[in-house]
N, C-alpha and C. Protein backbone atom coordinates (compact mmCIF):
# COMPACT_ATOMS: atom_id res chain seq x y z
N UNK A 1 8.92 -26.87 -39.17
CA UNK A 1 9.51 -27.22 -37.73
C UNK A 1 8.28 -27.77 -36.96
N UNK A 2 8.30 -29.00 -36.54
CA UNK A 2 7.28 -29.58 -35.68
C UNK A 2 7.85 -29.99 -34.32
N UNK A 3 7.11 -29.55 -33.22
CA UNK A 3 7.67 -29.85 -31.92
C UNK A 3 6.41 -30.51 -31.15
N UNK A 4 6.75 -31.51 -30.16
CA UNK A 4 5.72 -32.06 -29.41
C UNK A 4 5.41 -31.40 -28.19
N UNK A 5 4.33 -31.10 -27.69
CA UNK A 5 3.84 -30.47 -26.57
C UNK A 5 4.25 -31.40 -25.31
N UNK A 6 4.80 -30.72 -24.30
CA UNK A 6 5.38 -31.50 -23.18
C UNK A 6 4.26 -32.03 -22.32
N UNK A 7 3.03 -31.10 -22.36
CA UNK A 7 1.92 -31.65 -21.39
C UNK A 7 0.98 -32.59 -22.10
N UNK A 8 0.69 -32.45 -23.37
CA UNK A 8 -0.38 -33.37 -24.01
C UNK A 8 0.17 -34.10 -25.23
N UNK A 9 1.47 -34.05 -25.51
CA UNK A 9 2.14 -34.86 -26.57
C UNK A 9 1.40 -34.36 -27.91
N UNK A 10 0.83 -33.36 -28.12
CA UNK A 10 0.31 -32.93 -29.35
C UNK A 10 1.45 -32.40 -30.31
N UNK A 11 1.30 -32.62 -31.51
CA UNK A 11 2.31 -32.22 -32.52
C UNK A 11 1.92 -30.78 -32.81
N UNK A 12 2.89 -29.69 -32.58
CA UNK A 12 2.61 -28.37 -32.83
C UNK A 12 3.56 -28.08 -34.14
N UNK A 13 2.79 -27.53 -35.07
CA UNK A 13 3.42 -27.11 -36.42
C UNK A 13 3.30 -25.48 -36.58
N UNK A 14 3.94 -25.06 -37.63
CA UNK A 14 3.87 -23.65 -37.77
C UNK A 14 2.30 -23.20 -38.15
N UNK A 15 1.81 -24.16 -38.84
CA UNK A 15 0.27 -24.12 -39.23
C UNK A 15 -0.75 -23.99 -38.10
N UNK A 16 -0.57 -24.91 -37.03
CA UNK A 16 -1.57 -24.97 -36.14
C UNK A 16 -1.29 -24.24 -34.64
N UNK A 17 0.00 -23.64 -34.45
CA UNK A 17 0.41 -22.99 -33.31
C UNK A 17 -0.47 -21.84 -32.92
N UNK A 18 -0.56 -21.76 -31.58
CA UNK A 18 -1.29 -20.43 -31.18
C UNK A 18 -0.37 -19.34 -30.80
N UNK A 19 -0.94 -18.16 -31.05
CA UNK A 19 -0.22 -16.93 -30.94
C UNK A 19 -1.10 -16.08 -30.27
N UNK A 20 -0.97 -15.61 -28.94
CA UNK A 20 -1.88 -14.71 -28.40
C UNK A 20 -1.30 -13.22 -28.50
N UNK A 21 0.12 -13.20 -28.43
CA UNK A 21 0.80 -11.94 -28.62
C UNK A 21 2.11 -11.96 -29.34
N UNK A 22 2.30 -11.75 -30.51
CA UNK A 22 3.53 -12.00 -31.11
C UNK A 22 4.70 -11.25 -30.66
N UNK A 23 4.38 -10.15 -29.88
CA UNK A 23 5.55 -9.39 -29.24
C UNK A 23 6.04 -9.77 -28.04
N UNK A 24 5.31 -10.55 -27.38
CA UNK A 24 5.65 -11.12 -26.00
C UNK A 24 6.23 -12.68 -26.30
N UNK A 25 7.51 -12.94 -26.12
CA UNK A 25 7.95 -14.31 -26.24
C UNK A 25 7.22 -15.41 -25.62
N UNK A 26 6.64 -14.94 -24.43
CA UNK A 26 5.96 -16.03 -23.62
C UNK A 26 4.64 -16.46 -24.05
N UNK A 27 4.00 -15.55 -24.97
CA UNK A 27 2.67 -15.69 -25.68
C UNK A 27 2.66 -16.04 -27.06
N UNK A 28 3.93 -16.28 -27.69
CA UNK A 28 3.95 -16.30 -29.11
C UNK A 28 3.98 -17.80 -29.72
N UNK A 29 4.15 -18.80 -28.89
CA UNK A 29 4.25 -20.15 -29.39
C UNK A 29 3.46 -21.11 -28.42
N UNK A 30 2.16 -21.52 -28.89
CA UNK A 30 1.53 -22.38 -27.95
C UNK A 30 0.88 -23.58 -28.53
N UNK A 31 0.54 -24.54 -27.69
CA UNK A 31 -0.28 -25.82 -28.27
C UNK A 31 -1.68 -25.42 -28.49
N UNK A 32 -2.19 -25.89 -29.47
CA UNK A 32 -3.51 -25.60 -29.77
C UNK A 32 -4.54 -26.62 -29.00
N UNK A 33 -3.93 -27.66 -28.69
CA UNK A 33 -4.75 -28.69 -27.88
C UNK A 33 -5.03 -28.28 -26.45
N UNK A 34 -3.99 -27.90 -25.70
CA UNK A 34 -4.11 -27.66 -24.25
C UNK A 34 -3.87 -26.25 -23.89
N UNK A 35 -3.43 -25.41 -24.70
CA UNK A 35 -3.25 -24.05 -24.32
C UNK A 35 -1.99 -23.64 -23.59
N UNK A 36 -1.06 -24.66 -23.61
CA UNK A 36 0.34 -24.32 -22.97
C UNK A 36 1.13 -23.66 -23.93
N UNK A 37 1.86 -22.52 -23.43
CA UNK A 37 2.71 -21.86 -24.41
C UNK A 37 4.25 -21.98 -23.94
N UNK A 38 5.07 -21.93 -24.93
CA UNK A 38 6.55 -22.29 -24.80
C UNK A 38 7.44 -21.13 -25.30
N UNK A 39 8.56 -21.18 -24.79
CA UNK A 39 9.67 -20.27 -25.29
C UNK A 39 10.49 -20.97 -26.21
N UNK A 40 10.78 -20.50 -27.38
CA UNK A 40 11.48 -21.20 -28.39
C UNK A 40 12.90 -20.55 -28.23
N UNK A 41 13.94 -21.45 -28.33
CA UNK A 41 15.29 -20.81 -28.48
C UNK A 41 15.36 -20.09 -29.80
N UNK A 42 16.36 -19.01 -29.73
CA UNK A 42 16.55 -18.12 -30.98
C UNK A 42 17.06 -19.03 -32.08
N UNK A 43 16.43 -18.84 -33.27
CA UNK A 43 16.80 -19.70 -34.38
C UNK A 43 17.95 -19.02 -35.08
N UNK A 44 17.96 -17.60 -35.17
CA UNK A 44 18.98 -16.98 -35.80
C UNK A 44 20.28 -16.93 -35.02
N UNK A 45 21.30 -17.46 -35.57
CA UNK A 45 22.67 -17.58 -34.84
C UNK A 45 23.22 -16.28 -35.12
N UNK A 46 23.97 -15.82 -34.08
CA UNK A 46 24.71 -14.51 -34.06
C UNK A 46 25.71 -14.47 -35.21
N UNK A 47 26.05 -13.36 -35.62
CA UNK A 47 27.07 -13.23 -36.71
C UNK A 47 28.40 -13.76 -36.21
N UNK A 48 28.78 -13.59 -34.98
CA UNK A 48 30.00 -14.03 -34.40
C UNK A 48 30.01 -15.60 -34.48
N UNK A 49 28.92 -16.24 -34.24
CA UNK A 49 28.96 -17.74 -34.33
C UNK A 49 29.31 -18.10 -35.72
N UNK A 50 28.56 -17.50 -36.78
CA UNK A 50 28.69 -17.91 -38.18
C UNK A 50 29.94 -17.61 -38.60
N UNK A 51 30.69 -16.50 -38.11
CA UNK A 51 31.89 -15.97 -38.59
C UNK A 51 32.93 -17.13 -38.01
N UNK A 52 32.73 -17.59 -36.78
CA UNK A 52 33.66 -18.66 -36.15
C UNK A 52 33.49 -19.98 -36.87
N UNK A 53 32.36 -20.54 -37.36
CA UNK A 53 32.22 -21.48 -38.22
C UNK A 53 32.86 -21.28 -39.49
N UNK A 54 32.81 -20.15 -40.16
CA UNK A 54 33.27 -19.74 -41.34
C UNK A 54 34.95 -20.01 -41.27
N UNK A 55 35.35 -19.34 -40.22
CA UNK A 55 36.86 -19.52 -40.04
C UNK A 55 37.40 -20.90 -39.88
N UNK A 56 36.58 -21.65 -39.18
CA UNK A 56 36.95 -22.99 -38.83
C UNK A 56 37.09 -23.86 -40.30
N UNK A 57 35.88 -23.65 -41.08
CA UNK A 57 35.99 -24.25 -42.54
C UNK A 57 37.12 -23.79 -43.18
N UNK A 58 37.41 -22.45 -43.27
CA UNK A 58 38.57 -21.89 -44.00
C UNK A 58 39.91 -22.47 -43.60
N UNK A 59 40.03 -22.65 -42.23
CA UNK A 59 41.26 -23.18 -41.70
C UNK A 59 41.48 -24.59 -42.02
N UNK A 60 40.29 -25.38 -41.97
CA UNK A 60 40.38 -26.81 -42.16
C UNK A 60 40.78 -26.91 -43.75
N UNK A 61 40.19 -26.00 -44.62
CA UNK A 61 40.61 -26.09 -45.93
C UNK A 61 42.07 -25.76 -46.34
N UNK A 62 42.58 -24.80 -45.74
CA UNK A 62 43.98 -24.34 -45.70
C UNK A 62 44.90 -25.42 -45.39
N UNK A 63 44.55 -26.14 -44.18
CA UNK A 63 45.26 -27.19 -43.56
C UNK A 63 45.38 -28.40 -44.61
N UNK A 64 44.24 -28.75 -45.21
CA UNK A 64 44.17 -29.88 -46.17
C UNK A 64 44.91 -29.46 -47.40
N UNK A 65 44.97 -28.18 -47.86
CA UNK A 65 45.63 -27.81 -48.94
C UNK A 65 47.15 -27.83 -48.81
N UNK A 66 47.47 -27.59 -47.63
CA UNK A 66 48.92 -27.65 -47.21
C UNK A 66 49.45 -28.97 -47.32
N UNK A 67 48.50 -30.06 -46.79
CA UNK A 67 48.91 -31.31 -46.73
C UNK A 67 49.06 -31.84 -48.12
N UNK A 68 48.08 -31.68 -48.95
CA UNK A 68 47.85 -32.23 -50.30
C UNK A 68 48.66 -31.55 -51.41
N UNK A 69 49.26 -30.33 -51.07
CA UNK A 69 49.93 -29.64 -52.00
C UNK A 69 51.32 -30.32 -52.41
N UNK A 70 51.82 -31.06 -51.31
CA UNK A 70 53.08 -31.87 -51.60
C UNK A 70 52.95 -33.09 -52.11
N UNK A 71 51.74 -33.66 -52.30
CA UNK A 71 51.50 -34.97 -52.75
C UNK A 71 51.35 -34.88 -54.23
N UNK A 72 50.24 -34.36 -54.78
CA UNK A 72 50.05 -34.50 -56.33
C UNK A 72 48.96 -33.48 -56.61
N UNK A 73 48.71 -33.13 -57.82
CA UNK A 73 47.71 -32.21 -58.30
C UNK A 73 46.39 -33.11 -58.09
N UNK A 74 46.44 -34.38 -58.57
CA UNK A 74 45.16 -35.41 -58.52
C UNK A 74 44.60 -35.53 -57.02
N UNK A 75 45.32 -35.31 -56.04
CA UNK A 75 44.83 -35.40 -54.75
C UNK A 75 43.95 -34.32 -54.22
N UNK A 76 44.01 -33.12 -55.10
CA UNK A 76 43.11 -32.02 -54.79
C UNK A 76 41.75 -32.40 -54.99
N UNK A 77 41.29 -33.42 -55.70
CA UNK A 77 40.08 -33.80 -55.83
C UNK A 77 39.53 -34.47 -54.49
N UNK A 78 40.36 -35.29 -53.90
CA UNK A 78 40.28 -35.80 -52.54
C UNK A 78 40.01 -34.80 -51.48
N UNK A 79 40.80 -33.63 -51.54
CA UNK A 79 40.60 -32.56 -50.66
C UNK A 79 39.23 -31.91 -50.81
N UNK A 80 38.88 -31.77 -52.11
CA UNK A 80 37.37 -31.15 -52.33
C UNK A 80 36.40 -32.08 -51.81
N UNK A 81 36.63 -33.32 -52.02
CA UNK A 81 35.68 -34.37 -51.42
C UNK A 81 35.47 -34.22 -50.06
N UNK A 82 36.51 -34.24 -49.39
CA UNK A 82 36.71 -34.11 -47.73
C UNK A 82 36.03 -32.82 -47.38
N UNK A 83 36.33 -31.80 -48.04
CA UNK A 83 35.70 -30.45 -47.55
C UNK A 83 34.23 -30.47 -47.87
N UNK A 84 33.80 -30.99 -48.99
CA UNK A 84 32.21 -31.22 -49.17
C UNK A 84 31.65 -32.09 -48.26
N UNK A 85 32.34 -33.16 -47.93
CA UNK A 85 31.72 -34.21 -46.86
C UNK A 85 31.58 -33.45 -45.44
N UNK A 86 32.61 -32.56 -45.22
CA UNK A 86 32.60 -31.92 -43.97
C UNK A 86 31.40 -30.97 -43.78
N UNK A 87 31.22 -30.14 -44.94
CA UNK A 87 29.99 -29.29 -44.95
C UNK A 87 28.79 -29.79 -44.79
N UNK A 88 28.61 -31.17 -45.65
CA UNK A 88 27.32 -31.96 -45.58
C UNK A 88 27.15 -32.32 -44.15
N UNK A 89 28.14 -32.84 -43.42
CA UNK A 89 27.88 -33.38 -42.18
C UNK A 89 27.54 -32.19 -41.17
N UNK A 90 28.10 -31.12 -41.30
CA UNK A 90 27.72 -29.90 -40.36
C UNK A 90 26.32 -29.42 -40.79
N UNK A 91 25.92 -29.44 -41.92
CA UNK A 91 24.55 -29.16 -42.30
C UNK A 91 23.60 -30.16 -41.79
N UNK A 92 23.69 -31.35 -42.00
CA UNK A 92 22.90 -32.38 -41.40
C UNK A 92 22.74 -32.34 -39.85
N UNK A 93 23.89 -32.26 -39.24
CA UNK A 93 23.96 -31.94 -37.77
C UNK A 93 22.97 -30.86 -37.40
N UNK A 94 23.18 -29.71 -38.09
CA UNK A 94 22.51 -28.51 -37.59
C UNK A 94 21.01 -28.76 -38.00
N UNK A 95 20.54 -29.56 -39.05
CA UNK A 95 19.17 -29.65 -39.43
C UNK A 95 18.64 -30.59 -38.53
N UNK A 96 19.24 -31.67 -38.08
CA UNK A 96 18.57 -32.61 -37.32
C UNK A 96 18.58 -32.43 -35.83
N UNK A 97 19.35 -31.24 -35.40
CA UNK A 97 19.32 -30.99 -33.98
C UNK A 97 17.84 -30.62 -33.44
N UNK A 98 17.45 -31.35 -32.24
CA UNK A 98 16.14 -31.13 -31.83
C UNK A 98 15.90 -29.92 -31.10
N UNK A 99 14.75 -29.18 -31.10
CA UNK A 99 14.76 -28.01 -30.45
C UNK A 99 13.79 -28.34 -29.03
N UNK A 100 14.51 -27.85 -27.90
CA UNK A 100 14.02 -28.17 -26.52
C UNK A 100 13.00 -27.08 -26.28
N UNK A 101 11.74 -27.39 -25.93
CA UNK A 101 10.76 -26.40 -25.56
C UNK A 101 10.83 -26.19 -24.20
N UNK A 102 10.54 -24.89 -23.76
CA UNK A 102 10.77 -24.49 -22.45
C UNK A 102 9.34 -23.77 -22.12
N UNK A 103 8.76 -24.26 -21.22
CA UNK A 103 7.50 -23.74 -20.64
C UNK A 103 7.60 -22.32 -20.15
N UNK A 104 6.79 -21.42 -20.86
CA UNK A 104 6.83 -20.08 -20.44
C UNK A 104 6.08 -19.75 -19.27
N UNK A 105 5.01 -20.50 -18.90
CA UNK A 105 4.36 -20.28 -17.58
C UNK A 105 2.87 -19.71 -18.12
N UNK A 106 2.74 -19.25 -19.45
CA UNK A 106 1.56 -18.57 -19.64
C UNK A 106 0.61 -19.70 -20.22
N UNK A 107 -0.66 -19.73 -19.77
CA UNK A 107 -1.61 -20.63 -20.37
C UNK A 107 -2.71 -19.91 -20.99
N UNK A 108 -3.31 -20.20 -21.92
CA UNK A 108 -4.41 -19.68 -22.77
C UNK A 108 -5.73 -20.29 -22.17
N UNK A 109 -6.59 -19.52 -21.59
CA UNK A 109 -7.67 -20.01 -20.97
C UNK A 109 -8.70 -20.34 -21.97
N UNK A 110 -8.77 -19.81 -23.09
CA UNK A 110 -9.84 -20.08 -24.07
C UNK A 110 -9.74 -21.47 -24.82
N UNK A 111 -8.49 -22.15 -24.75
CA UNK A 111 -8.27 -23.46 -25.31
C UNK A 111 -8.23 -24.65 -24.33
N UNK A 112 -8.49 -24.47 -23.23
CA UNK A 112 -8.51 -25.50 -22.08
C UNK A 112 -9.70 -26.40 -22.33
N UNK A 113 -9.63 -27.71 -22.27
CA UNK A 113 -10.71 -28.65 -22.27
C UNK A 113 -11.47 -28.83 -21.10
């Protein structure tokens, strides 16, 4: 995961990020070039959100099964393809979603130029 610093446009990665205090979210993710620290949004989704996504996928599959069960057995391959396409689109959307950095207000004095 790479993010651009909002103040100096430096590319912050997991290898070069600053961490003054890992227990304090305001001091855990900083730019090594200018010393500006950011708050990152939580990356772990709650179990409720994952469960809702699971229920949406299952209900979509059940709806497609109901539609295609009256057509023919060979159309089940079409249903499987549509479900696979939907899963791939959701995964690509979640992977390409950009992370918005929020300034935490903390500055590291030792890294200022």
